[in-house]
Amino acid sequence: MEFDLPSENDPRRAEVRRWLAEHPRPSGRALAESGFVAPHWPKPYGLDADPVHQLVIDDELRRAGVQRPSNQIGIGWAGPTILHAGSEAQKDRYLVPLLAAEEIWCQLFSEPEAGSDLASLRTSAVRDGDEYVVNGSKIWTSGAHVAKFGILIARTDPEASKHKGISYFICPMKSQGIEIRPIVEMTGSHMFNQVFFTDVRIPATNLVGEENEGWSLAKVTLGNERVSLSSGGALWGMGPTANDLLDVVRKAGGVDDPVARQALARLHIEAKVLDLIRLRTISARIRGEQPGPEASIRKVLADEHGQHIMRVARDLAGAGGMLSSGGPLGTAADPWYYGFLFSPALTIGGGTGEVQRSIIGERVLGLPHEP
């Protein structure tokens, strides 16, 4: 890779350490106002940090045991889209509370009838004076039951072509006419929801960008989503990694079965490849290049890698893997039992593996567009 990480006496490290000494237990608001939550964002919301500077900040926060506020959809997807196309008033109103996780966000994109073909959405938004009246439903909405705002795409011109006539809104989730129904997963957890809109009125000032041009903004959001969902732990940035499972095996004295050994070696190789793709993206950003379809490539690989990790963990648990108390090689079940039950969702959420492969085929291999 074409960069070296800064030394221990680098002035950027010293600056972060100085701030942390003054704020040993920083609040979410303090972190947001410092620019450390999303340092690559432009000032005043970030620090205009290049990728190496971002790695320095990550490293120093980790050493100090300081965790950034948790607001994945807000910080990872809604925020970058508002930065890209939002009005100054929208940026001033929403971005700092979003970064501080004082206001949680959800994403209102997928619909029961649209499936992976998001542009076939049917939820409508009709202009009525200074408001839009929204009717329809959204599904698989993570965190809708705790969110204060949602990023919503709805059809504002039913006569336009499929990818036109769609607009992008900031939707207050406590608006009259919104009904949220929980979807309980087979893990027993409640993360997803179906959201129904019945004559919901959204102020016209909550339109992001231009009316009928929301599809281009949805692609901005999805691009950030695909990067976010394929980073960190094996479960979309959460949960255990391949190295965590390998550590379990090492502590247990290893395994003798050649098939299991081969599966573990394959997990190690996959993890290394994903890490190299990440470093390659960082190197490209340092050269001033914007990431392209590699976001889809990494998502395909990361999602299947997460499923492989959980499948191997289940196999190592043996018959105990059928019980909620059984983990690999006699370890505790958490987080492995939940991870195995959740892992089928990895290749569906954020754009199915099939959709990602279509993107790769068209944009990387130059194949004809899917009919």
Protein backbone atom coordinates (compact mmCIF):
# COMPACT_ATOMS: atom_id res chain seq x y z
CA MET A 1 0.00 0.00 0.00
CA GLU A 2 1.13 3.52 -0.72
CA PHE A 3 1.19 5.03 2.76
CA ASP A 4 2.86 4.68 6.14
CA LEU A 5 1.01 5.23 9.38
CA PRO A 6 2.30 8.24 11.34
CA SER A 7 4.82 7.75 14.12
CA GLU A 8 4.05 8.05 17.83
CA ASN A 9 5.28 11.66 17.93
CA ASP A 10 3.22 12.80 14.95
CA PRO A 11 1.60 16.20 15.72
CA ARG A 12 -1.83 14.86 14.72
CA ARG A 13 -1.54 12.20 17.41
CA ALA A 14 -0.41 14.83 19.91
CA GLU A 15 -3.44 16.99 19.11
CA VAL A 16 -5.88 14.12 19.70
CA ARG A 17 -4.11 13.13 22.92
CA ARG A 18 -4.20 16.72 24.17
CA TRP A 19 -7.96 16.90 23.54
CA LEU A 20 -8.53 13.56 25.26
CA ALA A 21 -6.54 14.71 28.29
CA GLU A 22 -8.91 17.68 28.55
CA HIS A 23 -11.98 15.45 27.94
CA PRO A 24 -11.19 12.10 29.62
CA ARG A 25 -14.84 10.98 29.46
CA PRO A 26 -16.25 12.95 26.55
CA SER A 27 -19.98 13.14 25.89
CA GLY A 28 -21.42 12.41 22.49
CA ARG A 29 -22.00 16.14 21.97
CA ALA A 30 -18.35 16.94 22.83
CA LEU A 31 -17.10 14.31 20.38
CA ALA A 32 -19.44 15.61 17.69
CA GLU A 33 -18.34 19.21 18.16
CA SER A 34 -14.67 18.18 18.14
CA GLY A 35 -15.01 16.67 14.68
CA PHE A 36 -13.85 13.25 15.88
CA VAL A 37 -17.08 11.38 15.12
CA ALA A 38 -16.82 11.79 11.34
CA PRO A 39 -13.40 13.42 10.85
CA HIS A 40 -13.52 13.03 7.06
CA TRP A 41 -16.57 15.34 6.88
CA PRO A 42 -15.94 19.00 6.06
CA LYS A 43 -15.69 21.56 8.82
CA PRO A 44 -17.46 22.49 11.04
CA TYR A 45 -18.96 18.98 11.27
CA GLY A 46 -15.69 17.12 10.70
CA LEU A 47 -12.02 17.97 10.26
CA ASP A 48 -11.55 17.56 6.50
CA ALA A 49 -9.30 14.67 7.57
CA ASP A 50 -7.55 12.59 4.95
CA PRO A 51 -7.64 8.79 5.39
CA VAL A 52 -4.34 8.64 7.31
CA HIS A 53 -5.51 11.34 9.70
CA GLN A 54 -8.72 9.33 10.20
CA LEU A 55 -6.68 6.24 11.10
CA VAL A 56 -4.69 8.30 13.62
CA ILE A 57 -7.88 9.52 15.30
CA ASP A 58 -9.33 5.98 15.32
CA ASP A 59 -6.15 4.65 16.91
CA GLU A 60 -5.98 7.29 19.63
CA LEU A 61 -9.68 6.97 20.54
CA ARG A 62 -9.27 3.20 20.76
CA ARG A 63 -6.22 3.52 23.03
CA ALA A 64 -8.12 5.89 25.31
CA GLY A 65 -11.10 3.54 25.46
CA VAL A 66 -13.39 6.21 24.01
CA GLN A 67 -16.27 5.02 21.86
CA ARG A 68 -17.95 7.20 19.29
CA PRO A 69 -21.73 7.74 19.57
CA SER A 70 -23.76 4.91 18.04
CA ASN A 71 -26.13 6.07 15.30
CA GLN A 72 -25.24 3.91 12.32
CA ILE A 73 -27.92 4.99 9.87
CA GLY A 74 -27.72 8.62 10.90
CA ILE A 75 -23.94 8.95 10.80
CA GLY A 76 -23.24 6.44 8.06
CA TRP A 77 -26.03 7.12 5.57
CA ALA A 78 -28.34 10.05 6.35
CA GLY A 79 -25.56 12.46 7.32
CA PRO A 80 -23.45 12.06 4.15
CA THR A 81 -26.55 12.53 1.99
CA ILE A 82 -27.59 15.69 3.82
CA LEU A 83 -24.03 16.95 3.49
CA HIS A 84 -24.13 16.18 -0.22
CA ALA A 85 -27.46 17.77 -1.12
CA GLY A 86 -29.13 19.26 1.96
CA SER A 87 -29.81 22.94 2.45
CA GLU A 88 -27.71 24.94 4.89
CA ALA A 89 -30.71 25.05 7.21
CA GLN A 90 -30.97 21.25 7.11
CA LYS A 91 -27.27 20.85 7.82
CA ASP A 92 -27.43 23.27 10.75
CA ARG A 93 -30.53 21.59 12.20
CA TYR A 94 -29.72 17.90 11.86
CA LEU A 95 -26.00 17.14 11.57
CA VAL A 96 -24.60 17.86 15.05
CA PRO A 97 -27.45 16.10 16.96
CA LEU A 98 -27.09 13.22 14.48
CA LEU A 99 -23.33 12.96 15.10
CA ALA A 100 -23.88 13.12 18.86
CA ALA A 101 -26.53 10.34 18.62
CA GLU A 102 -28.95 12.63 20.40
CA GLU A 103 -31.40 11.94 17.57
CA ILE A 104 -31.48 8.41 16.15
CA TRP A 105 -32.28 7.86 12.47
CA CYS A 106 -33.75 5.06 10.38
CA GLN A 107 -33.97 4.40 6.64
CA LEU A 108 -37.34 4.21 4.89
CA PHE A 109 -36.39 2.73 1.52
CA SER A 110 -37.46 -0.92 1.04
CA GLU A 111 -41.08 -1.77 0.28
CA PRO A 112 -43.10 -5.01 0.40
CA GLU A 113 -43.83 -4.98 -3.35
CA ALA A 114 -40.50 -3.59 -4.58
CA GLY A 115 -38.09 -6.24 -3.28
CA SER A 116 -34.53 -5.59 -4.43
CA ASP A 117 -35.84 -3.41 -7.26
CA LEU A 118 -35.95 -0.29 -5.12
CA ALA A 119 -36.91 2.04 -7.98
CA SER A 120 -40.26 0.21 -8.25
CA LEU A 121 -41.39 1.82 -5.00
CA ARG A 122 -45.07 2.76 -4.66
CA THR A 123 -45.13 5.01 -1.62
CA SER A 124 -46.41 8.38 -2.83
CA ALA A 125 -45.81 11.96 -1.72
CA VAL A 126 -48.26 14.53 -3.10
CA ARG A 127 -47.56 18.24 -2.74
CA ASP A 128 -50.27 20.14 -0.83
CA GLY A 129 -49.22 23.73 -0.28
CA ASP A 130 -46.24 23.81 2.09
CA GLU A 131 -46.48 20.08 2.83
CA TYR A 132 -46.28 16.69 1.16
CA VAL A 133 -48.93 14.08 1.96
CA VAL A 134 -47.37 10.59 2.13
CA ASN A 135 -49.19 7.27 1.74
CA GLY A 136 -47.74 3.78 1.47
CA SER A 137 -45.57 1.40 3.49
CA LYS A 138 -41.94 0.51 4.07
CA ILE A 139 -40.47 -2.72 5.39
CA TRP A 140 -37.29 -4.04 7.02
CA THR A 141 -36.82 -0.62 8.65
CA SER A 142 -34.11 -1.10 11.25
CA GLY A 143 -34.66 0.92 14.41
CA ALA A 144 -37.85 2.66 13.30
CA HIS A 145 -39.30 2.08 16.78
CA VAL A 146 -36.54 4.14 18.43
CA ALA A 147 -35.76 6.64 15.65
CA LYS A 148 -36.68 10.33 15.77
CA PHE A 149 -36.15 10.85 12.02
CA GLY A 150 -36.06 8.70 8.92
CA ILE A 151 -34.67 9.20 5.43
CA LEU A 152 -37.60 8.52 3.13
CA ILE A 153 -37.86 8.12 -0.62
CA ALA A 154 -41.30 8.41 -2.20
CA ARG A 155 -42.74 8.86 -5.67
CA THR A 156 -43.71 12.47 -6.36
CA ASP A 157 -44.38 12.11 -10.11
CA PRO A 158 -46.25 8.88 -10.97
CA GLU A 159 -46.05 9.69 -14.69
CA ALA A 160 -42.26 9.87 -14.79
CA SER A 161 -40.00 7.01 -15.85
CA LYS A 162 -39.00 4.44 -13.25
CA HIS A 163 -35.89 6.19 -11.92
CA LYS A 164 -37.37 9.67 -12.19
CA GLY A 165 -40.17 11.20 -10.20
CA ILE A 166 -38.72 10.01 -6.87
CA SER A 167 -37.99 12.51 -4.09
CA TYR A 168 -35.94 12.28 -0.90
CA PHE A 169 -37.31 13.51 2.44
CA ILE A 170 -36.42 13.86 6.09
CA CYS A 171 -39.37 12.25 7.88
CA PRO A 172 -40.16 12.95 11.56
CA MET A 173 -41.07 9.50 12.91
CA LYS A 174 -43.61 10.87 15.43
CA SER A 175 -45.74 12.38 12.66
CA GLN A 176 -49.46 11.71 12.83
CA GLY A 177 -50.47 8.85 10.54
CA ILE A 178 -47.29 6.76 10.99
CA GLU A 179 -47.81 3.24 12.34
CA ILE A 180 -44.81 1.07 13.23
CA ARG A 181 -45.28 -2.69 13.48
CA PRO A 182 -42.43 -4.82 14.85
CA ILE A 183 -40.90 -7.71 12.92
CA VAL A 184 -39.38 -10.20 15.37
CA GLU A 185 -36.44 -12.14 13.93
CA MET A 186 -35.80 -15.82 14.45
CA THR A 187 -33.04 -14.67 16.83
CA GLY A 188 -35.83 -13.45 19.11
CA SER A 189 -34.68 -9.84 18.70
CA HIS A 190 -36.73 -6.94 17.44
CA MET A 191 -34.63 -4.77 15.16
CA PHE A 192 -36.74 -4.60 11.97
CA ASN A 193 -40.16 -3.03 11.47
CA GLN A 194 -42.83 -2.40 8.88
CA VAL A 195 -43.89 1.24 8.72
CA PHE A 196 -47.26 2.39 7.37
CA PHE A 197 -48.00 5.93 6.17
CA THR A 198 -51.60 7.15 6.11
CA ASP A 199 -51.95 10.79 5.02
CA VAL A 200 -48.70 11.67 6.77
CA ARG A 201 -47.85 15.35 6.32
CA ILE A 202 -44.18 16.24 5.89
CA PRO A 203 -43.12 19.90 5.59
CA ALA A 204 -41.81 20.87 2.16
CA THR A 205 -38.72 22.21 3.93
CA ASN A 206 -37.85 18.56 4.66
CA LEU A 207 -37.31 17.81 0.96
CA VAL A 208 -33.61 17.08 0.39
CA GLY A 209 -32.31 18.27 -2.97
CA GLU A 210 -34.68 18.85 -5.87
CA GLU A 211 -38.15 17.38 -6.24
CA ASN A 212 -38.21 14.28 -8.50
CA GLU A 213 -34.40 13.94 -8.32
CA GLY A 214 -34.25 11.72 -5.25
CA TRP A 215 -33.01 8.59 -7.00
CA SER A 216 -29.52 10.06 -7.38
CA LEU A 217 -29.52 10.82 -3.64
CA ALA A 218 -30.73 7.30 -2.83
CA LYS A 219 -27.66 6.02 -4.69
CA VAL A 220 -25.46 8.28 -2.54
CA THR A 221 -27.05 6.76 0.56
CA LEU A 222 -26.73 3.19 -0.73
CA GLY A 223 -23.09 3.74 -1.64
CA ASN A 224 -22.36 4.74 1.95
CA GLU A 225 -24.49 1.86 3.22
CA ARG A 226 -22.53 -0.73 1.27
CA VAL A 227 -19.27 0.56 2.71
CA SER A 228 -20.73 0.68 6.23
CA LEU A 229 -22.27 -2.78 6.10
CA SER A 230 -19.02 -4.38 4.99
CA SER A 231 -16.66 -3.08 7.67
CA GLY A 232 -15.60 -4.13 11.15
CA GLY A 233 -17.18 -7.26 12.63
CA ALA A 234 -18.76 -10.03 10.61
CA LEU A 235 -22.34 -8.86 11.21
CA TRP A 236 -22.32 -5.54 9.34
CA GLY A 237 -19.61 -4.05 11.50
CA MET A 238 -20.88 -5.76 14.66
CA GLY A 239 -20.28 -9.11 16.26
CA PRO A 240 -17.25 -11.39 16.12
CA THR A 241 -14.63 -11.58 13.38
CA ALA A 242 -12.70 -14.45 11.83
CA ASN A 243 -9.81 -13.61 14.18
CA ASP A 244 -12.15 -13.91 17.16
CA LEU A 245 -13.08 -17.43 16.09
CA LEU A 246 -9.45 -18.33 15.42
CA ASP A 247 -8.57 -17.10 18.92
CA VAL A 248 -11.23 -19.44 20.35
CA VAL A 249 -9.66 -22.34 18.46
CA ARG A 250 -6.13 -21.46 19.59
CA LYS A 251 -7.19 -21.23 23.23
CA ALA A 252 -8.83 -24.64 22.94
CA GLY A 253 -5.57 -26.15 21.68
CA GLY A 254 -6.51 -26.25 17.99
CA VAL A 255 -8.46 -28.86 16.04
CA ASP A 256 -7.29 -32.08 14.43
CA ASP A 257 -10.02 -32.60 11.86
CA PRO A 258 -8.53 -31.76 8.41
CA VAL A 259 -11.83 -30.43 7.04
CA ALA A 260 -12.22 -28.08 10.00
CA ARG A 261 -8.61 -26.96 9.68
CA GLN A 262 -9.14 -26.19 6.00
CA ALA A 263 -12.29 -24.19 6.77
CA LEU A 264 -10.42 -22.14 9.38
CA ALA A 265 -7.57 -21.48 6.94
CA ARG A 266 -10.12 -20.30 4.37
CA LEU A 267 -11.59 -17.85 6.92
CA HIS A 268 -8.12 -16.44 7.59
CA ILE A 269 -7.51 -15.95 3.85
CA GLU A 270 -10.89 -14.27 3.32
CA ALA A 271 -10.26 -11.88 6.22
CA LYS A 272 -6.86 -10.93 4.79
CA VAL A 273 -8.33 -10.28 1.34
CA LEU A 274 -11.04 -8.03 2.82
CA ASP A 275 -8.45 -6.13 4.81
CA LEU A 276 -6.34 -5.60 1.69
CA ILE A 277 -9.38 -4.25 -0.17
CA ARG A 278 -9.94 -1.81 2.69
CA LEU A 279 -6.32 -0.66 2.58
CA ARG A 280 -6.51 -0.38 -1.19
CA THR A 281 -9.51 1.94 -0.82
CA ILE A 282 -7.62 4.06 1.72
CA SER A 283 -4.62 4.24 -0.60
CA ALA A 284 -6.86 5.38 -3.47
CA ARG A 285 -8.41 8.09 -1.30
CA ILE A 286 -4.94 9.36 -0.38
CA ARG A 287 -4.22 9.72 -4.11
CA GLY A 288 -7.40 11.78 -4.40
CA GLU A 289 -9.48 9.07 -6.06
CA GLN A 290 -13.08 8.42 -5.08
CA PRO A 291 -14.14 4.85 -4.28
CA GLY A 292 -16.16 3.17 -7.03
CA PRO A 293 -17.77 -0.23 -7.48
CA GLU A 294 -15.32 -1.76 -5.00
CA ALA A 295 -17.94 -0.94 -2.36
CA SER A 296 -20.17 -3.58 -3.97
CA ILE A 297 -17.25 -6.00 -4.35
CA ARG A 298 -16.35 -5.71 -0.71
CA LYS A 299 -19.96 -6.04 0.40
CA VAL A 300 -20.40 -9.29 -1.55
CA LEU A 301 -17.21 -10.72 -0.07
CA ALA A 302 -17.81 -9.44 3.47
CA ASP A 303 -21.39 -10.69 3.70
CA GLU A 304 -20.53 -14.19 2.52
CA HIS A 305 -17.45 -14.15 4.76
CA GLY A 306 -19.70 -13.39 7.75
CA GLN A 307 -21.90 -16.36 6.89
CA HIS A 308 -18.82 -18.57 6.55
CA ILE A 309 -17.59 -17.52 10.01
CA MET A 310 -20.91 -18.38 11.65
CA ARG A 311 -21.23 -21.66 9.78
CA VAL A 312 -17.77 -22.79 10.93
CA ALA A 313 -18.55 -21.67 14.49
CA ARG A 314 -21.73 -23.77 14.40
CA ASP A 315 -19.82 -26.80 13.10
CA LEU A 316 -17.22 -26.43 15.85
CA ALA A 317 -20.02 -26.33 18.42
CA GLY A 318 -21.11 -29.81 17.29
CA ALA A 319 -24.41 -31.05 18.67
CA GLY A 320 -24.30 -28.24 21.23
CA GLY A 321 -24.83 -25.79 18.37
CA MET A 322 -28.48 -26.84 18.29
CA LEU A 323 -28.95 -25.28 21.74
CA SER A 324 -29.04 -21.61 22.60
CA SER A 325 -26.38 -22.30 25.23
CA GLY A 326 -23.88 -23.93 22.87
CA GLY A 327 -20.82 -22.12 21.48
CA PRO A 328 -17.81 -23.36 19.46
CA LEU A 329 -15.50 -25.79 21.27
CA GLY A 330 -17.38 -25.54 24.52
CA THR A 331 -17.29 -21.75 24.80
CA ALA A 332 -20.23 -19.55 25.79
CA ALA A 333 -22.94 -19.25 23.15
CA ASP A 334 -22.83 -15.47 22.91
CA PRO A 335 -22.27 -14.04 20.36
CA TRP A 336 -22.11 -17.14 18.19
CA TYR A 337 -25.65 -18.45 18.57
CA TYR A 338 -27.21 -15.09 17.73
CA GLY A 339 -24.69 -14.58 14.92
CA PHE A 340 -25.53 -17.85 13.22
CA LEU A 341 -29.26 -17.14 13.30
CA PHE A 342 -28.73 -13.59 12.05
CA SER A 343 -26.20 -14.40 9.32
CA PRO A 344 -28.71 -15.30 6.53
CA ALA A 345 -29.74 -11.62 6.55
CA LEU A 346 -26.24 -10.51 5.56
CA THR A 347 -26.64 -11.28 1.86
CA ILE A 348 -30.09 -9.63 1.75
CA GLY A 349 -29.86 -6.35 3.66
CA GLY A 350 -28.40 -3.26 2.01
CA GLY A 351 -28.83 -4.72 -1.47
CA THR A 352 -28.83 -8.45 -2.11
CA GLY A 353 -25.75 -10.30 -3.26
CA GLU A 354 -27.43 -10.73 -6.64
CA VAL A 355 -27.94 -6.95 -7.00
CA GLN A 356 -24.32 -6.32 -6.04
CA ARG A 357 -23.13 -8.81 -8.65
CA SER A 358 -25.21 -7.03 -11.28
CA ILE A 359 -23.50 -3.76 -10.33
CA ILE A 360 -20.09 -5.41 -10.54
CA GLY A 361 -20.92 -7.01 -13.89
CA GLU A 362 -22.09 -3.75 -15.42
CA ARG A 363 -19.60 -1.29 -13.92
CA VAL A 364 -16.47 -3.42 -13.61
CA LEU A 365 -16.80 -6.05 -16.34
CA GLY A 366 -18.70 -3.88 -18.81
CA LEU A 367 -21.52 -6.37 -19.28
CA PRO A 368 -24.90 -5.24 -20.70
CA HIS A 369 -27.44 -3.82 -18.25
CA GLU A 370 -29.78 -6.30 -16.64
CA PRO A 371 -33.12 -6.40 -18.53
